[in-house]
Amino acid sequence: MINAFALTAIALCGVPIVTEPGAELRKLAGGFAFTEGPAADRSGAVYFTDQPNNRILRWTVDGRLETFLEPAGRSNGLFFDRKGRLWACADEKNELWVIAPRSGTHRVVVTANDLGGRLNGPNDVWAAPDGAVYFTDPYYRREYWPDGRELQEPQAVYRLSPDGRHVTRVASDLQKPNGIVGTRDGKTLYVADIGAGKTYAYTIAKQGSLTNRRLFCSMGSDGMTIDEEGHLYLTGPGVVVFDRTGREVQRIPVPDERWTSNVCFGGKDRRTLFITAGSGLYAIRMTMTGSF
């Protein structure tokens, strides 16, 4: 049975809130070690990781919980591209995977040594409209890594070319990049620097490089998503929502969890916000639609 929590949506005076009037935060499932990386497929089903237990799960549009892939390379962040493929930050061996959503078969696209030296651990990922894939590579020491796998500087943002052949470093001006998402038109990339407690916006140049870095807001984030109106949803202490100018407009608490890791829009109409937080998967209805 789905448990419901009364929502205390904290919004600024005079600013319309993004949750539906009277919406309640619902706990859909629990008992996980630590949930991460929600991403919705074309049907609206939401895939997410139970990272310490090395599996990817799926919440179907009719409300069923299924195991999609186990083991799953200790996957963390996930994202579906416009071809319907699932990209996964598989940090067990510092790899980026692409997974067939029907069969669950995966292919390693980026390995630890594709740059002439290993990565720290791919963490979050976004697929651009042109087929390029951007991912963050912060350092979080894992107990399953062998001795000697220590921090590599810089902790950076990387781009995989649309043909999948070239990986380039596109941002090295961050302390600890984590959450990442871009706009539907492929012109702007948002990257959260959780180490500095800030989120930045970059302009994506024609060849895929990042230019014109500017401060979006003075909050870092573990994961993030964006809606059709350009609101950015950051995580950590619940979910904090900013409009396209970087002004905070609403907070969505997750009262029973100490940490909110990530968010995505899903469901048949893409108007449900799915939240991974601690040991649970949560959802709340929105007035906004997620950006495809």
C-alpha atoms as a PDB file:
ATOM      1  CA  MET A   1       0.000   0.000   0.000  1.00  0.00           C
ATOM      2  CA  ILE A   2       1.290   3.457  -0.871  1.00  0.00           C
ATOM      3  CA  ASN A   3       1.993   5.638   2.121  1.00  0.00           C
ATOM      4  CA  ALA A   4       1.312   9.359   1.865  1.00  0.00           C
ATOM      5  CA  PHE A   5       2.955  12.253   3.623  1.00  0.00           C
ATOM      6  CA  ALA A   6       1.269  15.616   3.983  1.00  0.00           C
ATOM      7  CA  LEU A   7       3.179  18.049   1.813  1.00  0.00           C
ATOM      8  CA  THR A   8       4.422  21.256   3.327  1.00  0.00           C
ATOM      9  CA  ALA A   9       5.305  23.059   0.125  1.00  0.00           C
ATOM     10  CA  ILE A  10       7.278  26.150   0.943  1.00  0.00           C
ATOM     11  CA  ALA A  11       6.891  28.799  -1.772  1.00  0.00           C
ATOM     12  CA  LEU A  12       7.843  32.441  -1.918  1.00  0.00           C
ATOM     13  CA  CYS A  13       5.049  34.943  -1.504  1.00  0.00           C
ATOM     14  CA  GLY A  14       3.380  35.834  -4.791  1.00  0.00           C
ATOM     15  CA  VAL A  15       5.213  33.119  -6.767  1.00  0.00           C
ATOM     16  CA  PRO A  16       3.077  30.305  -8.218  1.00  0.00           C
ATOM     17  CA  ILE A  17       4.085  26.902  -6.891  1.00  0.00           C
ATOM     18  CA  VAL A  18       4.965  24.099  -9.288  1.00  0.00           C
ATOM     19  CA  THR A  19       3.192  21.304  -7.411  1.00  0.00           C
ATOM     20  CA  GLU A  20      -0.504  20.661  -8.025  1.00  0.00           C
ATOM     21  CA  PRO A  21      -2.794  22.325  -5.462  1.00  0.00           C
ATOM     22  CA  GLY A  22      -3.255  19.927  -2.567  1.00  0.00           C
ATOM     23  CA  ALA A  23      -0.654  17.507  -3.912  1.00  0.00           C
ATOM     24  CA  GLU A  24       0.797  15.012  -1.446  1.00  0.00           C
ATOM     25  CA  LEU A  25       4.232  13.470  -1.462  1.00  0.00           C
ATOM     26  CA  ARG A  26       3.743   9.700  -1.805  1.00  0.00           C
ATOM     27  CA  LYS A  27       6.212   7.007  -0.861  1.00  0.00           C
ATOM     28  CA  LEU A  28       6.016   4.478  -3.681  1.00  0.00           C
ATOM     29  CA  ALA A  29       8.566   1.944  -2.437  1.00  0.00           C
ATOM     30  CA  GLY A  30      11.181   1.586   0.283  1.00  0.00           C
ATOM     31  CA  GLY A  31      13.696  -0.718   1.899  1.00  0.00           C
ATOM     32  CA  PHE A  32      16.569   0.112  -0.481  1.00  0.00           C
ATOM     33  CA  ALA A  33      20.158   0.765   0.591  1.00  0.00           C
ATOM     34  CA  PHE A  34      20.446   4.080  -1.284  1.00  0.00           C
ATOM     35  CA  THR A  35      18.413   5.176  -4.306  1.00  0.00           C
ATOM     36  CA  GLU A  36      19.821   7.258  -7.148  1.00  0.00           C
ATOM     37  CA  GLY A  37      19.608   8.205 -10.809  1.00  0.00           C
ATOM     38  CA  PRO A  38      15.901   8.246 -11.787  1.00  0.00           C
ATOM     39  CA  ALA A  39      15.181   8.444 -15.526  1.00  0.00           C
ATOM     40  CA  ALA A  40      11.943   7.952 -17.469  1.00  0.00           C
ATOM     41  CA  ASP A  41      11.577   6.032 -20.725  1.00  0.00           C
ATOM     42  CA  ARG A  42       9.166   6.984 -23.513  1.00  0.00           C
ATOM     43  CA  SER A  43       6.219   5.299 -21.797  1.00  0.00           C
ATOM     44  CA  GLY A  44       6.847   7.217 -18.566  1.00  0.00           C
ATOM     45  CA  ALA A  45       8.204   4.242 -16.612  1.00  0.00           C
ATOM     46  CA  VAL A  46      10.940   5.336 -14.220  1.00  0.00           C
ATOM     47  CA  TYR A  47      14.254   3.498 -13.863  1.00  0.00           C
ATOM     48  CA  PHE A  48      16.393   4.112 -10.801  1.00  0.00           C
ATOM     49  CA  THR A  49      19.376   2.574  -9.058  1.00  0.00           C
ATOM     50  CA  ASP A  50      19.794   0.926  -5.686  1.00  0.00           C
ATOM     51  CA  GLN A  51      23.477   1.685  -5.945  1.00  0.00           C
ATOM     52  CA  PRO A  52      24.973  -0.205  -2.962  1.00  0.00           C
ATOM     53  CA  ASN A  53      22.960  -3.298  -3.934  1.00  0.00           C
ATOM     54  CA  ASN A  54      24.212  -3.060  -7.526  1.00  0.00           C
ATOM     55  CA  ARG A  55      20.890  -3.098  -9.346  1.00  0.00           C
ATOM     56  CA  ILE A  56      18.644  -0.976 -11.555  1.00  0.00           C
ATOM     57  CA  LEU A  57      14.924  -1.086 -10.801  1.00  0.00           C
ATOM     58  CA  ARG A  58      11.879   0.059 -12.759  1.00  0.00           C
ATOM     59  CA  TRP A  59       8.634   1.645 -11.549  1.00  0.00           C
ATOM     60  CA  THR A  60       6.066   0.946 -14.259  1.00  0.00           C
ATOM     61  CA  VAL A  61       3.328   3.343 -15.341  1.00  0.00           C
ATOM     62  CA  ASP A  62       0.768   1.042 -13.700  1.00  0.00           C
ATOM     63  CA  GLY A  63       2.560   1.138 -10.363  1.00  0.00           C
ATOM     64  CA  ARG A  64       4.610  -2.062 -10.270  1.00  0.00           C
ATOM     65  CA  LEU A  65       8.185  -2.345  -9.016  1.00  0.00           C
ATOM     66  CA  GLU A  66      10.445  -4.557 -11.116  1.00  0.00           C
ATOM     67  CA  THR A  67      14.136  -5.425 -11.166  1.00  0.00           C
ATOM     68  CA  PHE A  68      15.490  -4.364 -14.535  1.00  0.00           C
ATOM     69  CA  LEU A  69      19.202  -5.231 -14.324  1.00  0.00           C
ATOM     70  CA  GLU A  70      21.287  -6.997 -11.662  1.00  0.00           C
ATOM     71  CA  PRO A  71      24.249  -6.739 -11.359  1.00  0.00           C
ATOM     72  CA  ALA A  72      24.417  -3.279 -12.894  1.00  0.00           C
ATOM     73  CA  GLY A  73      28.043  -2.125 -12.679  1.00  0.00           C
ATOM     74  CA  ARG A  74      27.270  -0.190  -9.494  1.00  0.00           C
ATOM     75  CA  SER A  75      25.342   2.259 -11.658  1.00  0.00           C
ATOM     76  CA  ASN A  76      24.596   5.698 -10.299  1.00  0.00           C
ATOM     77  CA  GLY A  77      23.146   8.371 -12.613  1.00  0.00           C
ATOM     78  CA  LEU A  78      20.917   7.315 -15.543  1.00  0.00           C
ATOM     79  CA  PHE A  79      19.465   9.094 -18.579  1.00  0.00           C
ATOM     80  CA  PHE A  80      17.435   8.092 -21.652  1.00  0.00           C
ATOM     81  CA  ASP A  81      18.527   9.567 -24.985  1.00  0.00           C
ATOM     82  CA  ARG A  82      16.197  10.399 -27.856  1.00  0.00           C
ATOM     83  CA  LYS A  83      16.776   6.981 -29.413  1.00  0.00           C
ATOM     84  CA  GLY A  84      15.349   5.357 -26.280  1.00  0.00           C
ATOM     85  CA  ARG A  85      18.680   4.039 -25.043  1.00  0.00           C
ATOM     86  CA  LEU A  86      19.537   4.102 -21.335  1.00  0.00           C
ATOM     87  CA  TRP A  87      22.886   5.623 -20.391  1.00  0.00           C
ATOM     88  CA  ALA A  88      24.351   4.611 -17.031  1.00  0.00           C
ATOM     89  CA  CYS A  89      27.281   5.876 -14.970  1.00  0.00           C
ATOM     90  CA  ALA A  90      28.733   2.519 -13.951  1.00  0.00           C
ATOM     91  CA  ASP A  91      31.369   3.468 -11.427  1.00  0.00           C
ATOM     92  CA  GLU A  92      32.350  -0.059 -10.349  1.00  0.00           C
ATOM     93  CA  LYS A  93      35.069   0.072 -13.023  1.00  0.00           C
ATOM     94  CA  ASN A  94      34.762   3.785 -13.886  1.00  0.00           C
ATOM     95  CA  GLU A  95      32.756   3.234 -17.057  1.00  0.00           C
ATOM     96  CA  LEU A  96      29.888   4.760 -19.011  1.00  0.00           C
ATOM     97  CA  TRP A  97      27.388   2.181 -20.295  1.00  0.00           C
ATOM     98  CA  VAL A  98      24.591   2.250 -22.829  1.00  0.00           C
ATOM     99  CA  ILE A  99      21.814  -0.257 -22.094  1.00  0.00           C
ATOM    100  CA  ALA A 100      19.071  -1.654 -24.322  1.00  0.00           C
ATOM    101  CA  PRO A 101      15.860  -0.964 -22.347  1.00  0.00           C
ATOM    102  CA  ARG A 102      14.032  -4.080 -23.557  1.00  0.00           C
ATOM    103  CA  SER A 103      16.702  -6.693 -23.042  1.00  0.00           C
ATOM    104  CA  GLY A 104      18.876  -5.061 -20.407  1.00  0.00           C
ATOM    105  CA  THR A 105      21.999  -5.954 -22.366  1.00  0.00           C
ATOM    106  CA  HIS A 106      24.702  -3.344 -22.018  1.00  0.00           C
ATOM    107  CA  ARG A 107      27.740  -2.122 -23.902  1.00  0.00           C
ATOM    108  CA  VAL A 108      30.686  -0.311 -22.326  1.00  0.00           C
ATOM    109  CA  VAL A 109      31.128   2.955 -24.249  1.00  0.00           C
ATOM    110  CA  VAL A 110      33.654   4.812 -22.123  1.00  0.00           C
ATOM    111  CA  THR A 111      36.261   2.938 -20.097  1.00  0.00           C
ATOM    112  CA  ALA A 112      38.502   4.167 -17.340  1.00  0.00           C
ATOM    113  CA  ASN A 113      41.452   4.644 -19.692  1.00  0.00           C
ATOM    114  CA  ASP A 114      39.902   6.297 -22.736  1.00  0.00           C
ATOM    115  CA  LEU A 115      41.590   9.582 -21.852  1.00  0.00           C
ATOM    116  CA  GLY A 116      45.025   8.089 -21.313  1.00  0.00           C
ATOM    117  CA  GLY A 117      44.348   7.863 -17.597  1.00  0.00           C
ATOM    118  CA  ARG A 118      41.504   6.586 -15.529  1.00  0.00           C
ATOM    119  CA  LEU A 119      38.425   8.528 -14.500  1.00  0.00           C
ATOM    120  CA  ASN A 120      37.461   9.231 -10.897  1.00  0.00           C
ATOM    121  CA  GLY A 121      34.010   7.672 -11.270  1.00  0.00           C
ATOM    122  CA  PRO A 122      31.247   8.778 -13.679  1.00  0.00           C
ATOM    123  CA  ASN A 123      28.379  10.055 -11.541  1.00  0.00           C
ATOM    124  CA  ASP A 124      25.614  11.762 -13.523  1.00  0.00           C
ATOM    125  CA  VAL A 125      24.830  11.924 -17.238  1.00  0.00           C
ATOM    126  CA  TRP A 126      22.799  13.861 -19.811  1.00  0.00           C
ATOM    127  CA  ALA A 127      22.280  13.053 -23.495  1.00  0.00           C
ATOM    128  CA  ALA A 128      22.087  16.071 -25.813  1.00  0.00           C
ATOM    129  CA  PRO A 129      19.677  16.301 -28.781  1.00  0.00           C
ATOM    130  CA  ASP A 130      22.559  15.896 -31.255  1.00  0.00           C
ATOM    131  CA  GLY A 131      23.540  12.543 -29.743  1.00  0.00           C
ATOM    132  CA  ALA A 132      26.491  13.771 -27.678  1.00  0.00           C
ATOM    133  CA  VAL A 133      26.600  12.642 -24.054  1.00  0.00           C
ATOM    134  CA  TYR A 134      27.881  14.776 -21.168  1.00  0.00           C
ATOM    135  CA  PHE A 135      28.831  13.282 -17.807  1.00  0.00           C
ATOM    136  CA  THR A 136      30.353  14.412 -14.513  1.00  0.00           C
ATOM    137  CA  ASP A 137      33.357  12.714 -12.953  1.00  0.00           C
ATOM    138  CA  PRO A 138      33.701  13.603  -9.257  1.00  0.00           C
ATOM    139  CA  TYR A 139      35.638  11.519  -6.755  1.00  0.00           C
ATOM    140  CA  TYR A 140      33.764   9.569  -4.078  1.00  0.00           C
ATOM    141  CA  ARG A 141      35.844   6.778  -2.573  1.00  0.00           C
ATOM    142  CA  ARG A 142      34.066   3.418  -2.928  1.00  0.00           C
ATOM    143  CA  GLU A 143      34.691   0.456  -0.652  1.00  0.00           C
ATOM    144  CA  TYR A 144      34.613  -1.905  -3.641  1.00  0.00           C
ATOM    145  CA  TRP A 145      37.469  -0.133  -5.437  1.00  0.00           C
ATOM    146  CA  PRO A 146      40.939  -1.682  -5.179  1.00  0.00           C
ATOM    147  CA  ASP A 147      43.618   0.037  -3.144  1.00  0.00           C
ATOM    148  CA  GLY A 148      45.457   2.706  -5.073  1.00  0.00           C
ATOM    149  CA  ARG A 149      42.458   4.157  -6.891  1.00  0.00           C
ATOM    150  CA  GLU A 150      42.805   7.649  -5.521  1.00  0.00           C
ATOM    151  CA  LEU A 151      41.679  11.092  -6.616  1.00  0.00           C
ATOM    152  CA  GLN A 152      42.639  12.204 -10.127  1.00  0.00           C
ATOM    153  CA  GLU A 153      42.661  15.943 -10.798  1.00  0.00           C
ATOM    154  CA  PRO A 154      40.756  17.695 -12.126  1.00  0.00           C
ATOM    155  CA  GLN A 155      37.289  16.516 -11.175  1.00  0.00           C
ATOM    156  CA  ALA A 156      35.694  17.443 -14.464  1.00  0.00           C
ATOM    157  CA  VAL A 157      32.859  17.272 -16.984  1.00  0.00           C
ATOM    158  CA  TYR A 158      33.354  15.174 -20.115  1.00  0.00           C
ATOM    159  CA  ARG A 159      31.669  14.908 -23.512  1.00  0.00           C
ATOM    160  CA  LEU A 160      31.268  11.785 -25.618  1.00  0.00           C
ATOM    161  CA  SER A 161      30.930  12.672 -29.309  1.00  0.00           C
ATOM    162  CA  PRO A 162      27.711  11.703 -31.132  1.00  0.00           C
ATOM    163  CA  ASP A 163      29.528   8.913 -32.982  1.00  0.00           C
ATOM    164  CA  GLY A 164      30.748   7.495 -29.657  1.00  0.00           C
ATOM    165  CA  ARG A 165      34.399   7.616 -30.707  1.00  0.00           C
ATOM    166  CA  HIS A 166      35.851  10.573 -28.847  1.00  0.00           C
ATOM    167  CA  VAL A 167      35.804  11.628 -25.199  1.00  0.00           C
ATOM    168  CA  THR A 168      36.933  15.151 -24.360  1.00  0.00           C
ATOM    169  CA  ARG A 169      37.151  17.154 -21.164  1.00  0.00           C
ATOM    170  CA  VAL A 170      34.837  20.162 -21.530  1.00  0.00           C
ATOM    171  CA  ALA A 171      34.902  21.705 -18.040  1.00  0.00           C
ATOM    172  CA  SER A 172      37.677  21.578 -15.470  1.00  0.00           C
ATOM    173  CA  ASP A 173      36.765  24.738 -13.536  1.00  0.00           C
ATOM    174  CA  LEU A 174      34.709  23.032 -10.818  1.00  0.00           C
ATOM    175  CA  GLN A 175      35.603  21.654  -7.397  1.00  0.00           C
ATOM    176  CA  LYS A 176      33.330  18.595  -7.457  1.00  0.00           C
ATOM    177  CA  PRO A 177      30.847  18.446 -10.356  1.00  0.00           C
ATOM    178  CA  ASN A 178      27.852  16.239  -9.678  1.00  0.00           C
ATOM    179  CA  GLY A 179      24.313  16.823 -11.017  1.00  0.00           C
ATOM    180  CA  ILE A 180      23.988  17.651 -14.711  1.00  0.00           C
ATOM    181  CA  VAL A 181      21.140  18.400 -17.134  1.00  0.00           C
ATOM    182  CA  GLY A 182      20.659  20.360 -20.334  1.00  0.00           C
ATOM    183  CA  THR A 183      17.840  22.221 -22.026  1.00  0.00           C
ATOM    184  CA  ARG A 184      15.649  20.602 -24.647  1.00  0.00           C
ATOM    185  CA  ASP A 185      17.089  22.748 -27.438  1.00  0.00           C
ATOM    186  CA  GLY A 186      20.620  21.630 -26.570  1.00  0.00           C
ATOM    187  CA  LYS A 187      21.881  25.177 -26.077  1.00  0.00           C
ATOM    188  CA  THR A 188      22.447  25.319 -22.308  1.00  0.00           C
ATOM    189  CA  LEU A 189      24.027  22.854 -19.890  1.00  0.00           C
ATOM    190  CA  TYR A 190      23.576  23.123 -16.117  1.00  0.00           C
ATOM    191  CA  VAL A 191      26.214  21.596 -13.862  1.00  0.00           C
ATOM    192  CA  ALA A 192      26.050  21.487 -10.076  1.00  0.00           C
ATOM    193  CA  ASP A 193      29.334  21.983  -8.251  1.00  0.00           C
ATOM    194  CA  ILE A 194      28.439  20.244  -5.012  1.00  0.00           C
ATOM    195  CA  GLY A 195      31.915  20.938  -3.659  1.00  0.00           C
ATOM    196  CA  ALA A 196      31.522  24.702  -4.016  1.00  0.00           C
ATOM    197  CA  GLY A 197      27.801  24.789  -3.184  1.00  0.00           C
ATOM    198  CA  LYS A 198      26.904  26.384  -6.527  1.00  0.00           C
ATOM    199  CA  THR A 199      25.214  25.538  -9.820  1.00  0.00           C
ATOM    200  CA  TYR A 200      26.475  26.980 -13.090  1.00  0.00           C
ATOM    201  CA  ALA A 201      25.009  27.385 -16.568  1.00  0.00           C
ATOM    202  CA  TYR A 202      27.155  26.946 -19.674  1.00  0.00           C
ATOM    203  CA  THR A 203      26.445  27.721 -23.293  1.00  0.00           C
ATOM    204  CA  ILE A 204      26.926  24.660 -25.513  1.00  0.00           C
ATOM    205  CA  ALA A 205      28.887  25.769 -28.575  1.00  0.00           C
ATOM    206  CA  LYS A 206      28.309  24.338 -32.059  1.00  0.00           C
ATOM    207  CA  GLN A 207      31.089  21.763 -31.724  1.00  0.00           C
ATOM    208  CA  GLY A 208      29.928  20.724 -28.262  1.00  0.00           C
ATOM    209  CA  SER A 209      32.399  22.670 -26.132  1.00  0.00           C
ATOM    210  CA  LEU A 210      31.180  24.651 -23.132  1.00  0.00           C
ATOM    211  CA  THR A 211      31.495  28.437 -23.062  1.00  0.00           C
ATOM    212  CA  ASN A 212      30.157  31.446 -21.154  1.00  0.00           C
ATOM    213  CA  ARG A 213      30.067  29.941 -17.682  1.00  0.00           C
ATOM    214  CA  ARG A 214      27.797  31.928 -15.350  1.00  0.00           C
ATOM    215  CA  LEU A 215      26.466  31.385 -11.856  1.00  0.00           C
ATOM    216  CA  PHE A 216      22.898  30.116 -11.916  1.00  0.00           C
ATOM    217  CA  CYS A 217      22.314  29.819  -8.161  1.00  0.00           C
ATOM    218  CA  SER A 218      24.239  29.529  -4.919  1.00  0.00           C
ATOM    219  CA  MET A 219      23.301  25.919  -4.230  1.00  0.00           C
ATOM    220  CA  GLY A 220      25.015  22.708  -5.241  1.00  0.00           C
ATOM    221  CA  SER A 221      23.090  19.549  -6.022  1.00  0.00           C
ATOM    222  CA  ASP A 222      23.433  15.781  -6.089  1.00  0.00           C
ATOM    223  CA  GLY A 223      21.104  15.424  -9.086  1.00  0.00           C
ATOM    224  CA  MET A 224      18.757  17.619 -11.074  1.00  0.00           C
ATOM    225  CA  THR A 225      16.033  17.843 -13.686  1.00  0.00           C
ATOM    226  CA  ILE A 226      14.282  20.532 -15.711  1.00  0.00           C
ATOM    227  CA  ASP A 227      10.680  21.151 -16.771  1.00  0.00           C
ATOM    228  CA  GLU A 228       9.113  22.596 -19.930  1.00  0.00           C
ATOM    229  CA  GLU A 229       9.113  26.120 -18.483  1.00  0.00           C
ATOM    230  CA  GLY A 230      12.806  26.008 -17.625  1.00  0.00           C
ATOM    231  CA  HIS A 231      12.456  25.470 -13.870  1.00  0.00           C
ATOM    232  CA  LEU A 232      15.494  23.673 -12.472  1.00  0.00           C
ATOM    233  CA  TYR A 233      14.984  21.130  -9.670  1.00  0.00           C
ATOM    234  CA  LEU A 234      17.978  20.658  -7.352  1.00  0.00           C
ATOM    235  CA  THR A 235      18.385  18.064  -4.617  1.00  0.00           C
ATOM    236  CA  GLY A 236      19.998  17.608  -1.238  1.00  0.00           C
ATOM    237  CA  PRO A 237      17.732  19.000   1.525  1.00  0.00           C
ATOM    238  CA  GLY A 238      14.570  17.795  -0.209  1.00  0.00           C
ATOM    239  CA  VAL A 239      13.952  19.342  -3.629  1.00  0.00           C
ATOM    240  CA  VAL A 240      14.552  23.046  -4.248  1.00  0.00           C
ATOM    241  CA  VAL A 241      13.003  24.584  -7.374  1.00  0.00           C
ATOM    242  CA  PHE A 242      14.413  27.605  -9.237  1.00  0.00           C
ATOM    243  CA  ASP A 243      12.928  29.483 -12.173  1.00  0.00           C
ATOM    244  CA  ARG A 244      14.947  30.095 -15.341  1.00  0.00           C
ATOM    245  CA  THR A 245      16.451  33.280 -13.850  1.00  0.00           C
ATOM    246  CA  GLY A 246      17.891  31.415 -10.847  1.00  0.00           C
ATOM    247  CA  ARG A 247      15.270  32.652  -8.388  1.00  0.00           C
ATOM    248  CA  GLU A 248      14.121  30.093  -5.814  1.00  0.00           C
ATOM    249  CA  VAL A 249      10.362  29.532  -6.124  1.00  0.00           C
ATOM    250  CA  GLN A 250       9.536  26.462  -4.025  1.00  0.00           C
ATOM    251  CA  ARG A 251      10.868  23.801  -1.688  1.00  0.00           C
ATOM    252  CA  ILE A 252       9.502  20.261  -1.604  1.00  0.00           C
ATOM    253  CA  PRO A 253      10.525  18.549   1.644  1.00  0.00           C
ATOM    254  CA  VAL A 254      11.016  14.804   1.945  1.00  0.00           C
ATOM    255  CA  PRO A 255      10.439  14.605   5.704  1.00  0.00           C
ATOM    256  CA  ASP A 256      11.440  10.999   6.407  1.00  0.00           C
ATOM    257  CA  GLU A 257      14.772  11.099   4.569  1.00  0.00           C
ATOM    258  CA  ARG A 258      18.005  12.841   5.486  1.00  0.00           C
ATOM    259  CA  TRP A 259      19.178  13.237   1.888  1.00  0.00           C
ATOM    260  CA  THR A 260      17.477  13.596  -1.492  1.00  0.00           C
ATOM    261  CA  SER A 261      19.738  12.338  -4.252  1.00  0.00           C
ATOM    262  CA  ASN A 262      17.990  12.917  -7.574  1.00  0.00           C
ATOM    263  CA  VAL A 263      14.763  13.692  -9.464  1.00  0.00           C
ATOM    264  CA  CYS A 264      13.059  13.180 -12.815  1.00  0.00           C
ATOM    265  CA  PHE A 265       9.665  13.659 -14.442  1.00  0.00           C
ATOM    266  CA  GLY A 266       7.772  10.519 -15.397  1.00  0.00           C
ATOM    267  CA  GLY A 267       4.361   8.891 -15.632  1.00  0.00           C
ATOM    268  CA  LYS A 268       2.143   8.720 -18.715  1.00  0.00           C
ATOM    269  CA  ASP A 269       1.779  12.509 -18.945  1.00  0.00           C
ATOM    270  CA  ARG A 270       5.245  13.414 -17.593  1.00  0.00           C
ATOM    271  CA  ARG A 271       3.643  15.496 -14.859  1.00  0.00           C
ATOM    272  CA  THR A 272       4.743  13.394 -11.904  1.00  0.00           C
ATOM    273  CA  LEU A 273       8.012  14.282 -10.204  1.00  0.00           C
ATOM    274  CA  PHE A 274       9.839  11.136  -9.046  1.00  0.00           C
ATOM    275  CA  ILE A 275      12.318  11.585  -6.222  1.00  0.00           C
ATOM    276  CA  THR A 276      15.032   9.206  -5.054  1.00  0.00           C
ATOM    277  CA  ALA A 277      15.855   9.853  -1.410  1.00  0.00           C
ATOM    278  CA  GLY A 278      17.728   7.630   1.010  1.00  0.00           C
ATOM    279  CA  SER A 279      16.010   4.254   1.171  1.00  0.00           C
ATOM    280  CA  GLY A 280      12.880   5.230  -0.764  1.00  0.00           C
ATOM    281  CA  LEU A 281      11.286   6.217  -4.055  1.00  0.00           C
ATOM    282  CA  TYR A 282       8.792   9.098  -3.809  1.00  0.00           C
ATOM    283  CA  ALA A 283       6.452  10.937  -6.157  1.00  0.00           C
ATOM    284  CA  ILE A 284       4.342  14.080  -6.280  1.00  0.00           C
ATOM    285  CA  ARG A 285       2.027  15.540  -8.924  1.00  0.00           C
ATOM    286  CA  MET A 286       3.078  18.752 -10.648  1.00  0.00           C
ATOM    287  CA  THR A 287       1.517  21.582 -12.636  1.00  0.00           C
ATOM    288  CA  MET A 288       4.544  21.423 -14.964  1.00  0.00           C
ATOM    289  CA  THR A 289       5.557  18.817 -17.527  1.00  0.00           C
ATOM    290  CA  GLY A 290       9.064  17.476 -17.686  1.00  0.00           C
ATOM    291  CA  SER A 291      11.264  18.559 -20.564  1.00  0.00           C
ATOM    292  CA  PHE A 292      11.922  15.735 -23.035  1.00  0.00           C
END
